[in-house]
């Protein structure tokens, strides 16, 4: 039973990006928090258009962040 549970948590990170569960967890949380902040700022900006979106949360920088993170993961997968 323990092996099945362990496999549920480790199979995807190992097969997809050659990461441990903890590395995969940190990555997902980091990206998730960034996207939550971006979403909140965009909602606030939608209601109050005079409030500027910080550069590090604008769409261009957010896309660059996601592309950079994904690129790092693709490099990791090859090893």
C-alpha atoms as a PDB file:
ATOM      1  CA  UNK A   1       0.000   0.000   0.000  1.00  0.00           C
ATOM      2  CA  UNK A   2       2.805   2.420   0.904  1.00  0.00           C
ATOM      3  CA  UNK A   3       4.448   1.822  -2.498  1.00  0.00           C
ATOM      4  CA  UNK A   4       1.239   2.730  -4.308  1.00  0.00           C
ATOM      5  CA  UNK A   5       0.877   5.974  -2.353  1.00  0.00           C
ATOM      6  CA  UNK A   6       4.548   6.815  -2.884  1.00  0.00           C
ATOM      7  CA  UNK A   7       4.183   6.140  -6.607  1.00  0.00           C
ATOM      8  CA  UNK A   8       1.190   8.498  -6.791  1.00  0.00           C
ATOM      9  CA  UNK A   9       3.361  11.327  -5.485  1.00  0.00           C
ATOM     10  CA  UNK A  10       6.603  10.575  -7.320  1.00  0.00           C
ATOM     11  CA  UNK A  11       5.742   9.090 -10.726  1.00  0.00           C
ATOM     12  CA  UNK A  12       4.718  12.304 -12.505  1.00  0.00           C
ATOM     13  CA  UNK A  13       7.621  14.474 -11.237  1.00  0.00           C
ATOM     14  CA  UNK A  14      10.181  11.765 -12.097  1.00  0.00           C
ATOM     15  CA  UNK A  15       8.823  10.884 -15.531  1.00  0.00           C
ATOM     16  CA  UNK A  16       8.000  14.382 -16.728  1.00  0.00           C
ATOM     17  CA  UNK A  17      10.857  16.531 -15.445  1.00  0.00           C
ATOM     18  CA  UNK A  18      13.167  14.253 -13.473  1.00  0.00           C
ATOM     19  CA  UNK A  19      12.398  15.954 -10.167  1.00  0.00           C
ATOM     20  CA  UNK A  20      11.740  14.784  -6.652  1.00  0.00           C
ATOM     21  CA  UNK A  21       8.312  15.368  -5.177  1.00  0.00           C
ATOM     22  CA  UNK A  22       9.696  18.276  -3.131  1.00  0.00           C
ATOM     23  CA  UNK A  23      11.317  19.976  -6.150  1.00  0.00           C
ATOM     24  CA  UNK A  24       8.084  19.609  -8.097  1.00  0.00           C
ATOM     25  CA  UNK A  25       6.065  20.951  -5.160  1.00  0.00           C
ATOM     26  CA  UNK A  26       8.304  24.026  -4.833  1.00  0.00           C
ATOM     27  CA  UNK A  27       8.051  24.730  -8.557  1.00  0.00           C
ATOM     28  CA  UNK A  28       4.256  24.424  -8.615  1.00  0.00           C
ATOM     29  CA  UNK A  29       3.817  26.598  -5.519  1.00  0.00           C
ATOM     30  CA  UNK A  30       6.196  29.250  -6.882  1.00  0.00           C
ATOM     31  CA  UNK A  31       4.359  29.466 -10.215  1.00  0.00           C
ATOM     32  CA  UNK A  32       0.967  29.337  -8.502  1.00  0.00           C
ATOM     33  CA  UNK A  33       1.774  32.207  -6.139  1.00  0.00           C
ATOM     34  CA  UNK A  34       3.098  34.308  -9.011  1.00  0.00           C
ATOM     35  CA  UNK A  35      -0.089  33.699 -11.006  1.00  0.00           C
ATOM     36  CA  UNK A  36      -2.302  34.452  -7.987  1.00  0.00           C
ATOM     37  CA  UNK A  37      -0.573  37.822  -7.484  1.00  0.00           C
ATOM     38  CA  UNK A  38      -0.855  38.566 -11.194  1.00  0.00           C
ATOM     39  CA  UNK A  39      -4.567  37.691 -11.179  1.00  0.00           C
ATOM     40  CA  UNK A  40      -5.283  39.829  -8.113  1.00  0.00           C
ATOM     41  CA  UNK A  41      -3.480  42.828  -9.587  1.00  0.00           C
ATOM     42  CA  UNK A  42      -5.366  42.473 -12.878  1.00  0.00           C
ATOM     43  CA  UNK A  43      -8.708  42.270 -11.047  1.00  0.00           C
ATOM     44  CA  UNK A  44      -7.834  45.369  -9.021  1.00  0.00           C
ATOM     45  CA  UNK A  45      -6.668  47.145 -12.179  1.00  0.00           C
ATOM     46  CA  UNK A  46      -9.906  46.189 -13.933  1.00  0.00           C
ATOM     47  CA  UNK A  47     -11.957  47.826 -11.182  1.00  0.00           C
ATOM     48  CA  UNK A  48      -9.587  50.747 -10.622  1.00  0.00           C
ATOM     49  CA  UNK A  49      -7.872  51.390 -13.975  1.00  0.00           C
ATOM     50  CA  UNK A  50      -5.820  54.240 -12.512  1.00  0.00           C
ATOM     51  CA  UNK A  51      -3.867  51.733 -10.391  1.00  0.00           C
ATOM     52  CA  UNK A  52      -0.864  50.693 -12.431  1.00  0.00           C
ATOM     53  CA  UNK A  53       0.213  47.091 -12.817  1.00  0.00           C
ATOM     54  CA  UNK A  54       3.767  46.602 -11.486  1.00  0.00           C
ATOM     55  CA  UNK A  55       6.153  45.722 -14.297  1.00  0.00           C
ATOM     56  CA  UNK A  56       7.097  42.364 -12.751  1.00  0.00           C
ATOM     57  CA  UNK A  57       3.408  41.357 -12.817  1.00  0.00           C
ATOM     58  CA  UNK A  58       2.445  42.673 -16.254  1.00  0.00           C
ATOM     59  CA  UNK A  59       1.578  40.176 -18.994  1.00  0.00           C
ATOM     60  CA  UNK A  60       4.877  40.484 -20.848  1.00  0.00           C
ATOM     61  CA  UNK A  61       7.004  39.838 -17.774  1.00  0.00           C
ATOM     62  CA  UNK A  62       4.662  37.083 -16.579  1.00  0.00           C
ATOM     63  CA  UNK A  63       4.944  35.333 -19.945  1.00  0.00           C
ATOM     64  CA  UNK A  64       8.744  35.691 -19.828  1.00  0.00           C
ATOM     65  CA  UNK A  65       8.747  34.259 -16.302  1.00  0.00           C
ATOM     66  CA  UNK A  66       6.663  31.244 -17.356  1.00  0.00           C
ATOM     67  CA  UNK A  67       8.785  30.651 -20.480  1.00  0.00           C
ATOM     68  CA  UNK A  68      11.985  30.880 -18.433  1.00  0.00           C
ATOM     69  CA  UNK A  69      10.655  28.489 -15.786  1.00  0.00           C
ATOM     70  CA  UNK A  70       9.476  26.054 -18.455  1.00  0.00           C
ATOM     71  CA  UNK A  71      12.817  26.267 -20.259  1.00  0.00           C
ATOM     72  CA  UNK A  72      14.652  25.458 -17.014  1.00  0.00           C
ATOM     73  CA  UNK A  73      12.423  22.421 -16.553  1.00  0.00           C
ATOM     74  CA  UNK A  74      12.989  21.183 -20.121  1.00  0.00           C
ATOM     75  CA  UNK A  75      16.760  21.413 -19.552  1.00  0.00           C
ATOM     76  CA  UNK A  76      16.337  19.461 -16.303  1.00  0.00           C
ATOM     77  CA  UNK A  77      14.346  16.756 -18.080  1.00  0.00           C
ATOM     78  CA  UNK A  78      17.191  15.988 -20.494  1.00  0.00           C
ATOM     79  CA  UNK A  79      19.571  14.931 -17.721  1.00  0.00           C
END
